[in-house]
Amino acid sequence: MVRFLLNTMFNALGLWVVTLLIPAVKLAPYGGDSFWTRVGSFLVVAAIFGFVHAVIGPIIKVLSAPLYILTFGLIHLVINGALLLFVAWLSQLIGSPIFSIDGFNSEGLAISSLGWAILASVILYVVSYIGRTIFKKAYGR
C-alpha cells in the first residue's frame, strides 16, 4: 500500500510537470481553482493512472509481445500513450471530469492527439523514475 501511495505521489508530480511542459495537456481541478483542490485533482488522476497501469498494462503488454519484438520495444511508447488516453476517458466516467480529450469538456486534461499523449507519457515516466530513484537512495525503500 505504501508503494502504491508513493507511486501515486510521483505520478502526480509527473502529471504536474507534463501540464507545465506540454501546451496540449491541461488540468482543470475538481471543485474550484484553489491550491488544495488542484493537488487533490492531480492525486486522483495519478491514482487512476496507477490503477490502469497495474491492472490493464500487463495484460496489454503480454498480448502485444510480438509487436515488442518487431519494433524492438518502441511499441511501449504507443501503449503508454494509449493508456494515458484511456485514463482521460475513465476520468470522465467518475462525475465532474478532470480529463477531456479533444475538447469533450471545458474542464480537464485535454490531450489533443495520440502524439501528445505519447510525449506526455514519456515525460511522466522520466519524472516518476527520477522521483522514485531519489526516494530509494534517501530512504532505502
C-alpha atoms as a PDB file:
ATOM      1  CA  MET A   1       0.000   0.000   0.000  1.00  0.00           C
ATOM      2  CA  VAL A   2       2.854   2.376   0.807  1.00  0.00           C
ATOM      3  CA  ARG A   3       4.419   1.656  -2.572  1.00  0.00           C
ATOM      4  CA  PHE A   4       1.152   2.497  -4.361  1.00  0.00           C
ATOM      5  CA  LEU A   5       0.848   5.763  -2.424  1.00  0.00           C
ATOM      6  CA  LEU A   6       4.436   6.738  -3.242  1.00  0.00           C
ATOM      7  CA  ASN A   7       3.951   5.882  -6.915  1.00  0.00           C
ATOM      8  CA  THR A   8       0.747   7.932  -6.907  1.00  0.00           C
ATOM      9  CA  MET A   9       2.616  10.875  -5.416  1.00  0.00           C
ATOM     10  CA  PHE A  10       5.384  10.653  -8.022  1.00  0.00           C
ATOM     11  CA  ASN A  11       2.863  10.211 -10.840  1.00  0.00           C
ATOM     12  CA  ALA A  12       1.018  13.311  -9.604  1.00  0.00           C
ATOM     13  CA  LEU A  13       4.301  15.211  -9.671  1.00  0.00           C
ATOM     14  CA  GLY A  14       4.924  13.898 -13.192  1.00  0.00           C
ATOM     15  CA  LEU A  15       1.445  14.970 -14.312  1.00  0.00           C
ATOM     16  CA  TRP A  16       2.095  18.431 -12.927  1.00  0.00           C
ATOM     17  CA  VAL A  17       5.352  18.671 -14.921  1.00  0.00           C
ATOM     18  CA  VAL A  18       3.533  17.391 -18.039  1.00  0.00           C
ATOM     19  CA  THR A  19       0.881  20.100 -17.723  1.00  0.00           C
ATOM     20  CA  LEU A  20       3.640  22.695 -17.437  1.00  0.00           C
ATOM     21  CA  LEU A  21       5.685  21.474 -20.423  1.00  0.00           C
ATOM     22  CA  ILE A  22       3.075  20.371 -22.965  1.00  0.00           C
ATOM     23  CA  PRO A  23       0.579  23.026 -24.079  1.00  0.00           C
ATOM     24  CA  ALA A  24      -1.966  20.443 -25.302  1.00  0.00           C
ATOM     25  CA  VAL A  25      -2.251  18.855 -21.851  1.00  0.00           C
ATOM     26  CA  LYS A  26      -4.328  20.756 -19.309  1.00  0.00           C
ATOM     27  CA  LEU A  27      -5.898  20.008 -15.968  1.00  0.00           C
ATOM     28  CA  ALA A  28      -8.999  21.629 -14.504  1.00  0.00           C
ATOM     29  CA  PRO A  29      -9.286  20.732 -10.819  1.00  0.00           C
ATOM     30  CA  TYR A  30     -12.383  19.382  -9.114  1.00  0.00           C
ATOM     31  CA  GLY A  31     -14.348  21.925  -7.112  1.00  0.00           C
ATOM     32  CA  GLY A  32     -12.543  25.159  -7.873  1.00  0.00           C
ATOM     33  CA  ASP A  33      -9.115  26.548  -8.507  1.00  0.00           C
ATOM     34  CA  SER A  34      -7.536  26.628  -5.051  1.00  0.00           C
ATOM     35  CA  PHE A  35      -4.155  25.049  -4.375  1.00  0.00           C
ATOM     36  CA  TRP A  36      -5.508  22.061  -2.435  1.00  0.00           C
ATOM     37  CA  THR A  37      -8.205  21.210  -4.986  1.00  0.00           C
ATOM     38  CA  ARG A  38      -5.548  21.290  -7.688  1.00  0.00           C
ATOM     39  CA  VAL A  39      -3.269  18.996  -5.647  1.00  0.00           C
ATOM     40  CA  GLY A  40      -6.178  16.682  -4.918  1.00  0.00           C
ATOM     41  CA  SER A  41      -7.104  16.547  -8.604  1.00  0.00           C
ATOM     42  CA  PHE A  42      -3.551  15.631  -9.572  1.00  0.00           C
ATOM     43  CA  LEU A  43      -3.567  12.881  -6.919  1.00  0.00           C
ATOM     44  CA  VAL A  44      -6.910  11.492  -8.154  1.00  0.00           C
ATOM     45  CA  VAL A  45      -5.706  11.365 -11.753  1.00  0.00           C
ATOM     46  CA  ALA A  46      -2.399   9.818 -10.666  1.00  0.00           C
ATOM     47  CA  ALA A  47      -4.250   7.139  -8.675  1.00  0.00           C
ATOM     48  CA  ILE A  48      -6.394   6.305 -11.717  1.00  0.00           C
ATOM     49  CA  PHE A  49      -3.248   6.193 -13.850  1.00  0.00           C
ATOM     50  CA  GLY A  50      -1.516   3.865 -11.380  1.00  0.00           C
ATOM     51  CA  PHE A  51      -4.541   1.580 -11.197  1.00  0.00           C
ATOM     52  CA  VAL A  52      -4.783   1.369 -15.007  1.00  0.00           C
ATOM     53  CA  HIS A  53      -1.078   0.600 -15.297  1.00  0.00           C
ATOM     54  CA  ALA A  54      -1.278  -2.051 -12.582  1.00  0.00           C
ATOM     55  CA  VAL A  55      -4.359  -3.847 -13.933  1.00  0.00           C
ATOM     56  CA  ILE A  56      -4.631  -3.266 -17.677  1.00  0.00           C
ATOM     57  CA  GLY A  57      -0.985  -2.540 -18.522  1.00  0.00           C
ATOM     58  CA  PRO A  58       0.382  -6.076 -18.010  1.00  0.00           C
ATOM     59  CA  ILE A  59      -2.465  -7.629 -19.988  1.00  0.00           C
ATOM     60  CA  ILE A  60      -1.847  -5.357 -22.960  1.00  0.00           C
ATOM     61  CA  LYS A  61       1.909  -5.905 -22.768  1.00  0.00           C
ATOM     62  CA  VAL A  62       1.501  -9.684 -22.852  1.00  0.00           C
ATOM     63  CA  LEU A  63      -0.921  -9.512 -25.762  1.00  0.00           C
ATOM     64  CA  SER A  64       1.383  -7.201 -27.701  1.00  0.00           C
ATOM     65  CA  ALA A  65       4.558  -9.263 -27.141  1.00  0.00           C
ATOM     66  CA  PRO A  66       5.026  -9.904 -30.890  1.00  0.00           C
ATOM     67  CA  LEU A  67       4.905  -6.147 -31.512  1.00  0.00           C
ATOM     68  CA  TYR A  68       7.579  -5.621 -28.865  1.00  0.00           C
ATOM     69  CA  ILE A  69       9.821  -7.992 -30.797  1.00  0.00           C
ATOM     70  CA  LEU A  70       9.068  -6.431 -34.189  1.00  0.00           C
ATOM     71  CA  THR A  71       9.570  -2.834 -33.024  1.00  0.00           C
ATOM     72  CA  PHE A  72      12.441  -3.536 -30.582  1.00  0.00           C
ATOM     73  CA  GLY A  73      10.297  -2.268 -27.718  1.00  0.00           C
ATOM     74  CA  LEU A  74       9.251   1.054 -29.243  1.00  0.00           C
ATOM     75  CA  ILE A  75       5.600  -0.042 -29.135  1.00  0.00           C
ATOM     76  CA  HIS A  76       5.884   0.539 -25.376  1.00  0.00           C
ATOM     77  CA  LEU A  77       5.692   4.303 -26.041  1.00  0.00           C
ATOM     78  CA  VAL A  78       2.473   3.921 -28.018  1.00  0.00           C
ATOM     79  CA  ILE A  79       0.944   1.620 -25.396  1.00  0.00           C
ATOM     80  CA  ASN A  80       1.721   4.069 -22.586  1.00  0.00           C
ATOM     81  CA  GLY A  81       0.241   6.931 -24.608  1.00  0.00           C
ATOM     82  CA  ALA A  82      -2.889   4.880 -25.277  1.00  0.00           C
ATOM     83  CA  LEU A  83      -3.169   4.036 -21.576  1.00  0.00           C
ATOM     84  CA  LEU A  84      -2.947   7.749 -20.759  1.00  0.00           C
ATOM     85  CA  LEU A  85      -5.783   8.411 -23.219  1.00  0.00           C
ATOM     86  CA  PHE A  86      -7.729   5.605 -21.537  1.00  0.00           C
ATOM     87  CA  VAL A  87      -7.181   7.297 -18.164  1.00  0.00           C
ATOM     88  CA  ALA A  88      -8.553  10.517 -19.654  1.00  0.00           C
ATOM     89  CA  TRP A  89     -11.652   8.631 -20.803  1.00  0.00           C
ATOM     90  CA  LEU A  90     -12.050   6.904 -17.425  1.00  0.00           C
ATOM     91  CA  SER A  91     -11.846  10.189 -15.563  1.00  0.00           C
ATOM     92  CA  GLN A  92     -14.927  11.378 -17.441  1.00  0.00           C
ATOM     93  CA  LEU A  93     -16.931   8.466 -16.065  1.00  0.00           C
ATOM     94  CA  ILE A  94     -16.486   9.374 -12.386  1.00  0.00           C
ATOM     95  CA  GLY A  95     -18.504  12.566 -12.443  1.00  0.00           C
ATOM     96  CA  SER A  96     -17.088  16.016 -12.942  1.00  0.00           C
ATOM     97  CA  PRO A  97     -14.245  15.181 -15.305  1.00  0.00           C
ATOM     98  CA  ILE A  98     -10.693  16.280 -14.777  1.00  0.00           C
ATOM     99  CA  PHE A  99      -9.613  14.937 -18.161  1.00  0.00           C
ATOM    100  CA  SER A 100     -11.079  15.680 -21.552  1.00  0.00           C
ATOM    101  CA  ILE A 101      -9.774  14.545 -24.895  1.00  0.00           C
ATOM    102  CA  ASP A 102     -10.129  16.725 -27.975  1.00  0.00           C
ATOM    103  CA  GLY A 103     -12.420  19.148 -26.176  1.00  0.00           C
ATOM    104  CA  PHE A 104     -15.015  16.700 -24.822  1.00  0.00           C
ATOM    105  CA  ASN A 105     -15.445  19.055 -21.833  1.00  0.00           C
ATOM    106  CA  SER A 106     -14.375  22.539 -20.907  1.00  0.00           C
ATOM    107  CA  GLU A 107     -12.649  21.126 -17.798  1.00  0.00           C
ATOM    108  CA  GLY A 108      -9.878  18.645 -17.604  1.00  0.00           C
ATOM    109  CA  LEU A 109      -6.703  17.357 -19.064  1.00  0.00           C
ATOM    110  CA  ALA A 110      -7.096  17.717 -22.818  1.00  0.00           C
ATOM    111  CA  ILE A 111      -4.768  15.579 -24.895  1.00  0.00           C
ATOM    112  CA  SER A 112      -5.282  16.633 -28.482  1.00  0.00           C
ATOM    113  CA  SER A 113      -3.752  13.585 -30.138  1.00  0.00           C
ATOM    114  CA  LEU A 114      -2.002  10.295 -29.533  1.00  0.00           C
ATOM    115  CA  GLY A 115       1.297  12.045 -30.276  1.00  0.00           C
ATOM    116  CA  TRP A 116       0.803  14.436 -27.381  1.00  0.00           C
ATOM    117  CA  ALA A 117      -0.237  11.513 -25.186  1.00  0.00           C
ATOM    118  CA  ILE A 118       2.938   9.612 -26.096  1.00  0.00           C
ATOM    119  CA  LEU A 119       5.081  12.658 -25.309  1.00  0.00           C
ATOM    120  CA  ALA A 120       3.185  13.171 -22.039  1.00  0.00           C
ATOM    121  CA  SER A 121       3.699   9.534 -21.039  1.00  0.00           C
ATOM    122  CA  VAL A 122       7.446   9.784 -21.728  1.00  0.00           C
ATOM    123  CA  ILE A 123       7.771  12.908 -19.569  1.00  0.00           C
ATOM    124  CA  LEU A 124       5.575  11.337 -16.886  1.00  0.00           C
ATOM    125  CA  TYR A 125       7.765   8.228 -16.840  1.00  0.00           C
ATOM    126  CA  VAL A 126      11.019  10.221 -16.626  1.00  0.00           C
ATOM    127  CA  VAL A 127       9.809  12.429 -13.756  1.00  0.00           C
ATOM    128  CA  SER A 128       8.362   9.458 -11.853  1.00  0.00           C
ATOM    129  CA  TYR A 129      11.556   7.457 -12.360  1.00  0.00           C
ATOM    130  CA  ILE A 130      13.713  10.301 -11.066  1.00  0.00           C
ATOM    131  CA  GLY A 131      11.464  10.755  -8.022  1.00  0.00           C
ATOM    132  CA  ARG A 132      11.465   7.043  -7.188  1.00  0.00           C
ATOM    133  CA  THR A 133      15.254   6.836  -7.614  1.00  0.00           C
ATOM    134  CA  ILE A 134      15.856   9.787  -5.301  1.00  0.00           C
ATOM    135  CA  PHE A 135      13.447   8.338  -2.728  1.00  0.00           C
ATOM    136  CA  LYS A 136      15.114   4.907  -2.851  1.00  0.00           C
ATOM    137  CA  LYS A 137      18.571   6.421  -2.331  1.00  0.00           C
ATOM    138  CA  ALA A 138      17.360   8.638   0.513  1.00  0.00           C
ATOM    139  CA  TYR A 139      15.187   6.143   2.391  1.00  0.00           C
ATOM    140  CA  GLY A 140      16.231   2.742   1.089  1.00  0.00           C
ATOM    141  CA  ARG A 141      12.732   1.609   0.066  1.00  0.00           C
END
